[in-house]
Amino acid sequence: MDWWIIAGIILLIAVLLIKGIPVNVVKSSGQIVMKVTIGILFLFFFNLFGASFGLHIPINAFTAMIVGLLGIPGIACLTAISVFIV
C-alpha cells in the first residue's frame, strides 16, 4: 500500500469521527438491507414450496432486490419470466 492510500483512509476516519455519519444514510441503508433480507426469505420459501410444482427462482442479489422491493408481485413477475421466457 502506498502512503497516500493510508493517509486517505486516516483522513476519512477523522472526518467521520468529527462530523459524524449522517443519520439518513444509516437509516436508508438499514431499510434496504432489511428489504433484501426479506426478499431472500421470500425466495427461499418460494423455492421450498415451488419445488413440488417444478418452479425455481435462483437466489442472487438481483432477484433478492426485486422481491424485496416489490414483494409478492416481484415473485409473480420473476415466476412469469422463469416460466414463459427462460
C-alpha atoms as a PDB file:
ATOM      1  CA  MET A   1       0.000   0.000   0.000  1.00  0.00           C
ATOM      2  CA  ASP A   2       1.205   3.419  -0.796  1.00  0.00           C
ATOM      3  CA  TRP A   3       1.366   6.051   1.885  1.00  0.00           C
ATOM      4  CA  TRP A   4      -1.335   8.201   0.228  1.00  0.00           C
ATOM      5  CA  ILE A   5      -3.912   5.387   0.485  1.00  0.00           C
ATOM      6  CA  ILE A   6      -3.231   5.046   4.199  1.00  0.00           C
ATOM      7  CA  ALA A   7      -3.354   8.826   4.629  1.00  0.00           C
ATOM      8  CA  GLY A   8      -6.677   8.961   2.767  1.00  0.00           C
ATOM      9  CA  ILE A   9      -8.188   6.266   4.977  1.00  0.00           C
ATOM     10  CA  ILE A  10      -6.987   8.025   8.134  1.00  0.00           C
ATOM     11  CA  LEU A  11      -8.378  11.333   6.844  1.00  0.00           C
ATOM     12  CA  LEU A  12     -11.726   9.714   6.061  1.00  0.00           C
ATOM     13  CA  ILE A  13     -11.907   8.172   9.534  1.00  0.00           C
ATOM     14  CA  ALA A  14     -11.028  11.518  11.131  1.00  0.00           C
ATOM     15  CA  VAL A  15     -13.709  13.355   9.148  1.00  0.00           C
ATOM     16  CA  LEU A  16     -16.318  10.734  10.088  1.00  0.00           C
ATOM     17  CA  LEU A  17     -15.324  10.926  13.764  1.00  0.00           C
ATOM     18  CA  ILE A  18     -15.521  14.714  13.803  1.00  0.00           C
ATOM     19  CA  LYS A  19     -18.532  15.234  11.548  1.00  0.00           C
ATOM     20  CA  GLY A  20     -20.391  12.005  12.255  1.00  0.00           C
ATOM     21  CA  ILE A  21     -22.234   9.710   9.904  1.00  0.00           C
ATOM     22  CA  PRO A  22     -25.446  11.239   8.574  1.00  0.00           C
ATOM     23  CA  VAL A  23     -28.462   9.577  10.177  1.00  0.00           C
ATOM     24  CA  ASN A  24     -30.494   9.402   6.967  1.00  0.00           C
ATOM     25  CA  VAL A  25     -27.735   7.397   5.234  1.00  0.00           C
ATOM     26  CA  VAL A  26     -27.652   4.843   8.041  1.00  0.00           C
ATOM     27  CA  LYS A  27     -31.449   4.683   8.208  1.00  0.00           C
ATOM     28  CA  SER A  28     -31.944   4.222   4.469  1.00  0.00           C
ATOM     29  CA  SER A  29     -29.164   1.639   4.154  1.00  0.00           C
ATOM     30  CA  GLY A  30     -30.664  -0.289   7.071  1.00  0.00           C
ATOM     31  CA  GLN A  31     -34.061  -0.312   5.364  1.00  0.00           C
ATOM     32  CA  ILE A  32     -32.518  -1.544   2.109  1.00  0.00           C
ATOM     33  CA  VAL A  33     -30.677  -4.348   3.907  1.00  0.00           C
ATOM     34  CA  MET A  34     -33.907  -5.339   5.691  1.00  0.00           C
ATOM     35  CA  LYS A  35     -35.886  -5.423   2.421  1.00  0.00           C
ATOM     36  CA  VAL A  36     -33.229  -7.512   0.668  1.00  0.00           C
ATOM     37  CA  THR A  37     -33.176  -9.921   3.621  1.00  0.00           C
ATOM     38  CA  ILE A  38     -36.958 -10.286   3.454  1.00  0.00           C
ATOM     39  CA  GLY A  39     -36.637 -10.854  -0.292  1.00  0.00           C
ATOM     40  CA  ILE A  40     -34.146 -13.656   0.320  1.00  0.00           C
ATOM     41  CA  LEU A  41     -36.527 -15.279   2.805  1.00  0.00           C
ATOM     42  CA  PHE A  42     -39.459 -14.989   0.357  1.00  0.00           C
ATOM     43  CA  LEU A  43     -37.358 -16.590  -2.372  1.00  0.00           C
ATOM     44  CA  PHE A  44     -36.220 -19.373  -0.058  1.00  0.00           C
ATOM     45  CA  PHE A  45     -39.771 -20.285   0.922  1.00  0.00           C
ATOM     46  CA  PHE A  46     -40.975 -19.947  -2.672  1.00  0.00           C
ATOM     47  CA  ASN A  47     -38.262 -22.357  -3.819  1.00  0.00           C
ATOM     48  CA  LEU A  48     -39.113 -24.686  -0.956  1.00  0.00           C
ATOM     49  CA  PHE A  49     -42.808 -24.867  -1.858  1.00  0.00           C
ATOM     50  CA  GLY A  50     -42.393 -24.337  -5.597  1.00  0.00           C
ATOM     51  CA  ALA A  51     -40.154 -27.392  -5.951  1.00  0.00           C
ATOM     52  CA  SER A  52     -43.226 -29.630  -5.884  1.00  0.00           C
ATOM     53  CA  PHE A  53     -44.549 -27.744  -8.952  1.00  0.00           C
ATOM     54  CA  GLY A  54     -41.212 -27.622 -10.752  1.00  0.00           C
ATOM     55  CA  LEU A  55     -40.670 -23.907 -10.107  1.00  0.00           C
ATOM     56  CA  HIS A  56     -37.305 -22.485  -9.109  1.00  0.00           C
ATOM     57  CA  ILE A  57     -36.050 -18.905  -8.920  1.00  0.00           C
ATOM     58  CA  PRO A  58     -32.332 -18.545  -8.218  1.00  0.00           C
ATOM     59  CA  ILE A  59     -31.436 -16.601  -5.104  1.00  0.00           C
ATOM     60  CA  ASN A  60     -28.969 -13.862  -6.002  1.00  0.00           C
ATOM     61  CA  ALA A  61     -28.599 -10.143  -5.352  1.00  0.00           C
ATOM     62  CA  PHE A  62     -30.736  -9.103  -8.342  1.00  0.00           C
ATOM     63  CA  THR A  63     -33.698 -11.371  -7.568  1.00  0.00           C
ATOM     64  CA  ALA A  64     -33.484 -10.595  -3.844  1.00  0.00           C
ATOM     65  CA  MET A  65     -33.644  -6.848  -4.553  1.00  0.00           C
ATOM     66  CA  ILE A  66     -36.596  -7.279  -6.922  1.00  0.00           C
ATOM     67  CA  VAL A  67     -38.559  -9.384  -4.439  1.00  0.00           C
ATOM     68  CA  GLY A  68     -37.503  -7.191  -1.513  1.00  0.00           C
ATOM     69  CA  LEU A  69     -38.719  -4.020  -3.209  1.00  0.00           C
ATOM     70  CA  LEU A  70     -41.834  -5.411  -4.947  1.00  0.00           C
ATOM     71  CA  GLY A  71     -42.841  -8.184  -2.555  1.00  0.00           C
ATOM     72  CA  ILE A  72     -45.327 -10.787  -3.785  1.00  0.00           C
ATOM     73  CA  PRO A  73     -45.767  -9.106  -7.214  1.00  0.00           C
ATOM     74  CA  GLY A  74     -41.984  -9.386  -7.599  1.00  0.00           C
ATOM     75  CA  ILE A  75     -42.168 -13.137  -7.042  1.00  0.00           C
ATOM     76  CA  ALA A  76     -45.024 -13.319  -9.546  1.00  0.00           C
ATOM     77  CA  CYS A  77     -43.018 -11.372 -12.139  1.00  0.00           C
ATOM     78  CA  LEU A  78     -39.914 -13.500 -11.671  1.00  0.00           C
ATOM     79  CA  THR A  79     -42.020 -16.660 -11.876  1.00  0.00           C
ATOM     80  CA  ALA A  80     -43.642 -15.460 -15.110  1.00  0.00           C
ATOM     81  CA  ILE A  81     -40.220 -14.644 -16.547  1.00  0.00           C
ATOM     82  CA  SER A  82     -38.919 -18.050 -15.474  1.00  0.00           C
ATOM     83  CA  VAL A  83     -41.870 -19.965 -16.926  1.00  0.00           C
ATOM     84  CA  PHE A  84     -42.528 -18.078 -20.149  1.00  0.00           C
ATOM     85  CA  ILE A  85     -39.177 -16.663 -21.199  1.00  0.00           C
ATOM     86  CA  VAL A  86     -36.448 -18.897 -19.827  1.00  0.00           C
END
